[in-house]
Amino acid sequence: MGFEMTSLHHGDKMYAGQIVTYVVKPILGIPLNWCTEITHVQEPDYFVDEQRFGPYTFWHHQHKLKAIENGVLMEDIVHYKLPLGFIGGWVNSFMVIHQLEEIFEFRRMKLIEVFGEYKS
C-alpha cells in the first residue's frame, strides 16, 4: 500500500491528542493523505487511533496489549467504513479487507523479526 508516515516526531511517548499523518497508495499507486489522532492511551494496556481525514468514512482502531508469560499478546480491534455505499462495500470485499490483512501480517512478521517468535 505504500504506507509512509509523514508526521513529525512528537517525543518518546504516545499521548492522547497526538496527530499522526501518512501517505498511503491503496489503488494503482495513487497517493492519498491520511490523518489519525491518538484519542486514548492507557499504558500499558491499550491505545486508540481514529481517522480525522483520509480514505475511510469511519476508522477506529484499538491496539490492545497484555503481558503474558514470556511475552506480550497484541490484539487489534478495527472498525471502519468505506465511502460510496454499495460500491464501497464491494471494494471492501474484493480489495480493502485483503489489504488490511496484509498490513497486519506484515506488522506481525516485523515484530517477530525484531523481538523473536513467541515460545509458549
N, C-alpha and C. Protein backbone atom coordinates (compact mmCIF):
# COMPACT_ATOMS: atom_id res chain seq x y z
N MET A 1 0.81 -1.21 0.00
CA MET A 1 0.00 0.00 0.00
C MET A 1 0.85 1.26 0.00
N GLY A 2 2.15 1.15 0.02
CA GLY A 2 2.98 2.34 0.04
C GLY A 2 2.75 3.18 1.27
N PHE A 3 2.62 2.56 2.42
CA PHE A 3 2.29 3.19 3.70
C PHE A 3 3.51 3.94 4.22
N GLU A 4 3.44 5.28 4.28
CA GLU A 4 4.58 6.09 4.73
C GLU A 4 4.12 7.11 5.76
N MET A 5 4.72 7.07 6.96
CA MET A 5 4.39 8.05 7.99
C MET A 5 5.06 9.38 7.63
N THR A 6 4.31 10.47 7.70
CA THR A 6 4.84 11.78 7.31
C THR A 6 4.84 12.79 8.45
N SER A 7 4.24 12.45 9.59
CA SER A 7 4.18 13.42 10.69
C SER A 7 5.53 13.56 11.37
N LEU A 8 5.71 14.68 12.02
CA LEU A 8 6.94 14.96 12.74
C LEU A 8 6.97 14.18 14.04
N HIS A 9 8.16 13.95 14.55
CA HIS A 9 8.33 13.24 15.81
C HIS A 9 7.80 14.10 16.96
N HIS A 10 7.05 13.49 17.86
CA HIS A 10 6.42 14.21 18.96
C HIS A 10 6.96 13.76 20.32
N GLY A 11 8.20 13.30 20.38
CA GLY A 11 8.76 12.83 21.65
C GLY A 11 8.76 11.32 21.73
N ASP A 12 9.13 10.83 22.88
CA ASP A 12 9.30 9.39 23.06
C ASP A 12 8.03 8.67 23.49
N LYS A 13 7.02 9.40 23.93
CA LYS A 13 5.79 8.76 24.41
C LYS A 13 4.60 9.19 23.58
N MET A 14 3.72 8.23 23.36
CA MET A 14 2.46 8.50 22.69
C MET A 14 1.53 9.19 23.69
N TYR A 15 0.66 10.07 23.19
CA TYR A 15 -0.24 10.77 24.08
C TYR A 15 -1.58 11.03 23.38
N ALA A 16 -2.63 11.13 24.18
CA ALA A 16 -3.94 11.47 23.64
C ALA A 16 -3.87 12.85 23.02
N GLY A 17 -4.41 12.99 21.83
CA GLY A 17 -4.36 14.25 21.10
C GLY A 17 -3.25 14.28 20.06
N GLN A 18 -2.38 13.30 20.07
CA GLN A 18 -1.28 13.25 19.11
C GLN A 18 -1.83 13.02 17.70
N ILE A 19 -1.36 13.79 16.76
CA ILE A 19 -1.77 13.67 15.36
C ILE A 19 -0.67 12.93 14.60
N VAL A 20 -1.09 11.93 13.83
CA VAL A 20 -0.15 11.14 13.03
C VAL A 20 -0.63 11.20 11.59
N THR A 21 0.26 11.59 10.68
CA THR A 21 -0.11 11.68 9.27
C THR A 21 0.67 10.67 8.45
N TYR A 22 0.04 10.24 7.37
CA TYR A 22 0.61 9.23 6.49
C TYR A 22 0.28 9.58 5.05
N VAL A 23 1.01 8.95 4.15
CA VAL A 23 0.61 8.87 2.75
C VAL A 23 0.44 7.39 2.47
N VAL A 24 -0.71 7.01 1.92
CA VAL A 24 -0.98 5.63 1.54
C VAL A 24 -1.27 5.59 0.04
N LYS A 25 -0.99 4.46 -0.57
CA LYS A 25 -1.23 4.29 -2.01
C LYS A 25 -2.01 3.00 -2.23
N PRO A 26 -3.29 3.00 -1.86
CA PRO A 26 -4.06 1.76 -1.90
C PRO A 26 -4.50 1.31 -3.29
N ILE A 27 -4.61 2.24 -4.24
CA ILE A 27 -5.13 1.89 -5.57
C ILE A 27 -4.21 2.47 -6.64
N LEU A 28 -3.64 1.59 -7.44
CA LEU A 28 -2.81 1.97 -8.59
C LEU A 28 -1.67 2.93 -8.23
N GLY A 29 -1.19 2.88 -6.99
CA GLY A 29 -0.08 3.72 -6.59
C GLY A 29 -0.42 5.20 -6.45
N ILE A 30 -1.72 5.52 -6.44
CA ILE A 30 -2.16 6.92 -6.32
C ILE A 30 -2.07 7.32 -4.85
N PRO A 31 -1.29 8.36 -4.52
CA PRO A 31 -1.11 8.74 -3.11
C PRO A 31 -2.35 9.43 -2.53
N LEU A 32 -2.69 9.03 -1.31
CA LEU A 32 -3.77 9.66 -0.54
C LEU A 32 -3.21 10.06 0.81
N ASN A 33 -3.58 11.24 1.29
CA ASN A 33 -3.19 11.67 2.63
C ASN A 33 -4.15 11.07 3.64
N TRP A 34 -3.58 10.65 4.78
CA TRP A 34 -4.38 10.05 5.85
C TRP A 34 -3.91 10.66 7.16
N CYS A 35 -4.84 11.09 7.97
CA CYS A 35 -4.52 11.70 9.25
C CYS A 35 -5.32 11.00 10.34
N THR A 36 -4.61 10.52 11.37
CA THR A 36 -5.28 9.91 12.51
C THR A 36 -4.89 10.67 13.77
N GLU A 37 -5.75 10.55 14.77
CA GLU A 37 -5.47 11.12 16.08
C GLU A 37 -5.44 9.99 17.11
N ILE A 38 -4.44 10.01 17.97
CA ILE A 38 -4.42 9.09 19.10
C ILE A 38 -5.40 9.67 20.11
N THR A 39 -6.51 8.98 20.34
CA THR A 39 -7.57 9.54 21.18
C THR A 39 -7.53 9.02 22.61
N HIS A 40 -6.98 7.84 22.81
CA HIS A 40 -6.90 7.25 24.15
C HIS A 40 -5.55 6.55 24.30
N VAL A 41 -4.93 6.73 25.44
CA VAL A 41 -3.72 5.99 25.78
C VAL A 41 -3.86 5.55 27.23
N GLN A 42 -3.84 4.26 27.44
CA GLN A 42 -3.86 3.69 28.79
C GLN A 42 -2.69 2.72 28.89
N GLU A 43 -1.52 3.28 29.27
CA GLU A 43 -0.32 2.44 29.36
C GLU A 43 -0.47 1.47 30.52
N PRO A 44 -0.08 0.26 30.43
CA PRO A 44 0.48 -0.41 29.25
C PRO A 44 -0.56 -1.23 28.50
N ASP A 45 -1.86 -0.91 28.68
CA ASP A 45 -2.92 -1.80 28.22
C ASP A 45 -3.42 -1.58 26.79
N TYR A 46 -3.56 -0.33 26.38
CA TYR A 46 -4.11 -0.10 25.05
C TYR A 46 -3.90 1.34 24.61
N PHE A 47 -4.10 1.56 23.31
CA PHE A 47 -4.25 2.90 22.78
C PHE A 47 -5.18 2.82 21.59
N VAL A 48 -5.77 3.96 21.23
CA VAL A 48 -6.76 4.02 20.16
C VAL A 48 -6.37 5.12 19.19
N ASP A 49 -6.45 4.79 17.89
CA ASP A 49 -6.32 5.84 16.88
C ASP A 49 -7.61 5.91 16.07
N GLU A 50 -7.99 7.15 15.73
CA GLU A 50 -9.19 7.41 14.94
C GLU A 50 -8.84 8.33 13.79
N GLN A 51 -9.42 8.04 12.63
CA GLN A 51 -9.15 8.88 11.46
C GLN A 51 -9.79 10.24 11.62
N ARG A 52 -9.03 11.27 11.24
CA ARG A 52 -9.56 12.62 11.18
C ARG A 52 -9.87 13.01 9.73
N PHE A 53 -9.03 12.60 8.78
CA PHE A 53 -9.38 12.67 7.37
C PHE A 53 -8.58 11.60 6.65
N GLY A 54 -9.12 11.14 5.55
CA GLY A 54 -8.45 10.09 4.80
C GLY A 54 -9.39 9.23 3.99
N PRO A 55 -8.96 8.02 3.67
CA PRO A 55 -9.69 7.20 2.73
C PRO A 55 -10.97 6.55 3.27
N TYR A 56 -11.17 6.56 4.57
CA TYR A 56 -12.34 5.90 5.16
C TYR A 56 -13.39 6.93 5.54
N THR A 57 -14.64 6.51 5.57
CA THR A 57 -15.69 7.33 6.15
C THR A 57 -15.57 7.30 7.66
N PHE A 58 -15.16 6.13 8.18
CA PHE A 58 -15.01 5.94 9.62
C PHE A 58 -13.85 4.99 9.84
N TRP A 59 -12.99 5.29 10.84
CA TRP A 59 -11.87 4.42 11.21
C TRP A 59 -11.64 4.55 12.71
N HIS A 60 -11.74 3.43 13.43
CA HIS A 60 -11.50 3.38 14.87
C HIS A 60 -10.69 2.11 15.11
N HIS A 61 -9.46 2.27 15.64
CA HIS A 61 -8.52 1.15 15.77
C HIS A 61 -8.00 1.08 17.19
N GLN A 62 -8.38 0.01 17.90
CA GLN A 62 -7.88 -0.24 19.24
C GLN A 62 -6.68 -1.18 19.16
N HIS A 63 -5.60 -0.81 19.83
CA HIS A 63 -4.40 -1.64 19.92
C HIS A 63 -4.36 -2.11 21.38
N LYS A 64 -4.66 -3.39 21.62
CA LYS A 64 -4.68 -3.90 22.98
C LYS A 64 -3.41 -4.71 23.24
N LEU A 65 -2.81 -4.49 24.40
CA LEU A 65 -1.58 -5.17 24.78
C LEU A 65 -1.79 -5.83 26.14
N LYS A 66 -1.29 -7.07 26.26
CA LYS A 66 -1.46 -7.79 27.52
C LYS A 66 -0.19 -8.59 27.80
N ALA A 67 0.39 -8.35 28.97
CA ALA A 67 1.57 -9.12 29.36
C ALA A 67 1.15 -10.57 29.61
N ILE A 68 1.88 -11.49 29.00
CA ILE A 68 1.66 -12.91 29.22
C ILE A 68 3.03 -13.53 29.53
N GLU A 69 3.02 -14.76 29.99
CA GLU A 69 4.28 -15.43 30.31
C GLU A 69 5.17 -15.45 29.06
N ASN A 70 6.38 -14.98 29.20
CA ASN A 70 7.39 -14.96 28.12
C ASN A 70 7.06 -14.02 26.97
N GLY A 71 6.20 -13.02 27.17
CA GLY A 71 5.93 -12.13 26.04
C GLY A 71 4.78 -11.17 26.27
N VAL A 72 4.30 -10.64 25.17
CA VAL A 72 3.18 -9.70 25.17
C VAL A 72 2.21 -10.14 24.07
N LEU A 73 0.94 -10.21 24.42
CA LEU A 73 -0.10 -10.52 23.45
C LEU A 73 -0.62 -9.20 22.90
N MET A 74 -0.65 -9.06 21.57
CA MET A 74 -1.14 -7.86 20.93
C MET A 74 -2.40 -8.22 20.15
N GLU A 75 -3.45 -7.44 20.37
CA GLU A 75 -4.71 -7.66 19.67
C GLU A 75 -5.16 -6.34 19.06
N ASP A 76 -5.60 -6.39 17.82
CA ASP A 76 -6.14 -5.22 17.14
C ASP A 76 -7.64 -5.39 16.97
N ILE A 77 -8.37 -4.34 17.29
CA ILE A 77 -9.80 -4.31 17.02
C ILE A 77 -10.03 -3.11 16.12
N VAL A 78 -10.47 -3.36 14.91
CA VAL A 78 -10.63 -2.30 13.92
C VAL A 78 -12.08 -2.25 13.46
N HIS A 79 -12.65 -1.06 13.54
CA HIS A 79 -13.97 -0.80 12.96
C HIS A 79 -13.77 0.27 11.90
N TYR A 80 -14.30 0.04 10.72
CA TYR A 80 -14.14 1.01 9.66
C TYR A 80 -15.32 0.93 8.70
N LYS A 81 -15.47 2.00 7.94
CA LYS A 81 -16.48 2.06 6.90
C LYS A 81 -15.88 2.81 5.72
N LEU A 82 -16.13 2.30 4.56
CA LEU A 82 -15.67 2.96 3.34
C LEU A 82 -16.76 3.89 2.81
N PRO A 83 -16.37 4.91 2.06
CA PRO A 83 -17.37 5.78 1.43
C PRO A 83 -18.04 5.07 0.25
N LEU A 84 -19.00 5.69 -0.34
CA LEU A 84 -19.66 5.29 -1.58
C LEU A 84 -20.65 4.14 -1.43
N GLY A 85 -21.15 3.92 -0.22
CA GLY A 85 -22.24 2.96 -0.02
C GLY A 85 -21.97 1.59 -0.58
N PHE A 86 -22.85 1.14 -1.49
CA PHE A 86 -22.75 -0.20 -2.08
C PHE A 86 -21.41 -0.41 -2.78
N ILE A 87 -20.94 0.59 -3.48
CA ILE A 87 -19.66 0.48 -4.20
C ILE A 87 -18.52 0.30 -3.20
N GLY A 88 -18.55 1.07 -2.10
CA GLY A 88 -17.54 0.91 -1.06
C GLY A 88 -17.56 -0.48 -0.46
N GLY A 89 -18.75 -1.03 -0.25
CA GLY A 89 -18.87 -2.40 0.27
C GLY A 89 -18.29 -3.41 -0.69
N TRP A 90 -18.52 -3.21 -1.96
CA TRP A 90 -17.98 -4.11 -2.99
C TRP A 90 -16.45 -4.01 -3.03
N VAL A 91 -15.92 -2.78 -3.00
CA VAL A 91 -14.47 -2.58 -2.99
C VAL A 91 -13.86 -3.21 -1.73
N ASN A 92 -14.55 -3.08 -0.60
CA ASN A 92 -14.06 -3.69 0.63
C ASN A 92 -13.91 -5.20 0.49
N SER A 93 -14.95 -5.84 -0.06
CA SER A 93 -14.94 -7.30 -0.11
C SER A 93 -13.88 -7.87 -1.04
N PHE A 94 -13.53 -7.16 -2.10
CA PHE A 94 -12.54 -7.73 -3.00
C PHE A 94 -11.14 -7.13 -2.84
N MET A 95 -11.01 -6.00 -2.13
CA MET A 95 -9.69 -5.39 -2.06
C MET A 95 -9.29 -4.94 -0.65
N VAL A 96 -10.07 -4.06 -0.02
CA VAL A 96 -9.63 -3.41 1.22
C VAL A 96 -9.40 -4.41 2.33
N ILE A 97 -10.32 -5.33 2.53
CA ILE A 97 -10.15 -6.29 3.63
C ILE A 97 -8.86 -7.10 3.45
N HIS A 98 -8.51 -7.41 2.23
CA HIS A 98 -7.27 -8.15 1.96
C HIS A 98 -6.04 -7.27 2.20
N GLN A 99 -6.14 -5.99 1.85
CA GLN A 99 -5.03 -5.08 2.12
C GLN A 99 -4.80 -4.94 3.62
N LEU A 100 -5.87 -4.83 4.39
CA LEU A 100 -5.72 -4.72 5.85
C LEU A 100 -5.10 -6.00 6.42
N GLU A 101 -5.53 -7.15 5.93
CA GLU A 101 -4.93 -8.40 6.39
C GLU A 101 -3.43 -8.43 6.08
N GLU A 102 -3.04 -7.95 4.91
CA GLU A 102 -1.63 -7.91 4.53
C GLU A 102 -0.84 -6.95 5.44
N ILE A 103 -1.43 -5.81 5.78
CA ILE A 103 -0.77 -4.84 6.65
C ILE A 103 -0.50 -5.47 8.02
N PHE A 104 -1.52 -6.11 8.59
CA PHE A 104 -1.34 -6.70 9.92
C PHE A 104 -0.41 -7.91 9.88
N GLU A 105 -0.40 -8.64 8.80
CA GLU A 105 0.54 -9.75 8.66
C GLU A 105 1.96 -9.22 8.51
N PHE A 106 2.15 -8.13 7.78
CA PHE A 106 3.47 -7.50 7.66
C PHE A 106 3.96 -7.06 9.03
N ARG A 107 3.08 -6.43 9.80
CA ARG A 107 3.47 -5.99 11.15
C ARG A 107 3.82 -7.18 12.03
N ARG A 108 3.04 -8.25 11.95
CA ARG A 108 3.32 -9.45 12.74
C ARG A 108 4.70 -10.00 12.42
N MET A 109 5.03 -10.07 11.13
CA MET A 109 6.34 -10.60 10.72
C MET A 109 7.46 -9.65 11.15
N LYS A 110 7.23 -8.35 11.10
CA LYS A 110 8.24 -7.39 11.52
C LYS A 110 8.49 -7.50 13.03
N LEU A 111 7.43 -7.70 13.81
CA LEU A 111 7.59 -7.88 15.24
C LEU A 111 8.39 -9.14 15.57
N ILE A 112 8.13 -10.20 14.83
CA ILE A 112 8.91 -11.45 15.01
C ILE A 112 10.37 -11.20 14.65
N GLU A 113 10.60 -10.47 13.56
CA GLU A 113 11.96 -10.16 13.15
C GLU A 113 12.71 -9.37 14.22
N VAL A 114 12.03 -8.41 14.84
CA VAL A 114 12.68 -7.53 15.82
C VAL A 114 12.78 -8.20 17.19
N PHE A 115 11.70 -8.86 17.64
CA PHE A 115 11.65 -9.37 19.02
C PHE A 115 11.76 -10.88 19.14
N GLY A 116 11.66 -11.59 18.02
CA GLY A 116 11.68 -13.04 18.07
C GLY A 116 10.27 -13.61 18.14
N GLU A 117 10.18 -14.89 17.85
CA GLU A 117 8.87 -15.56 17.85
C GLU A 117 8.50 -16.01 19.25
N TYR A 118 7.24 -15.92 19.58
CA TYR A 118 6.76 -16.31 20.89
C TYR A 118 6.89 -17.81 21.09
N LYS A 119 7.45 -18.19 22.22
CA LYS A 119 7.59 -19.60 22.58
C LYS A 119 6.76 -19.84 23.84
N SER A 120 5.75 -20.70 23.72
CA SER A 120 4.88 -20.94 24.89
C SER A 120 5.49 -21.96 25.82
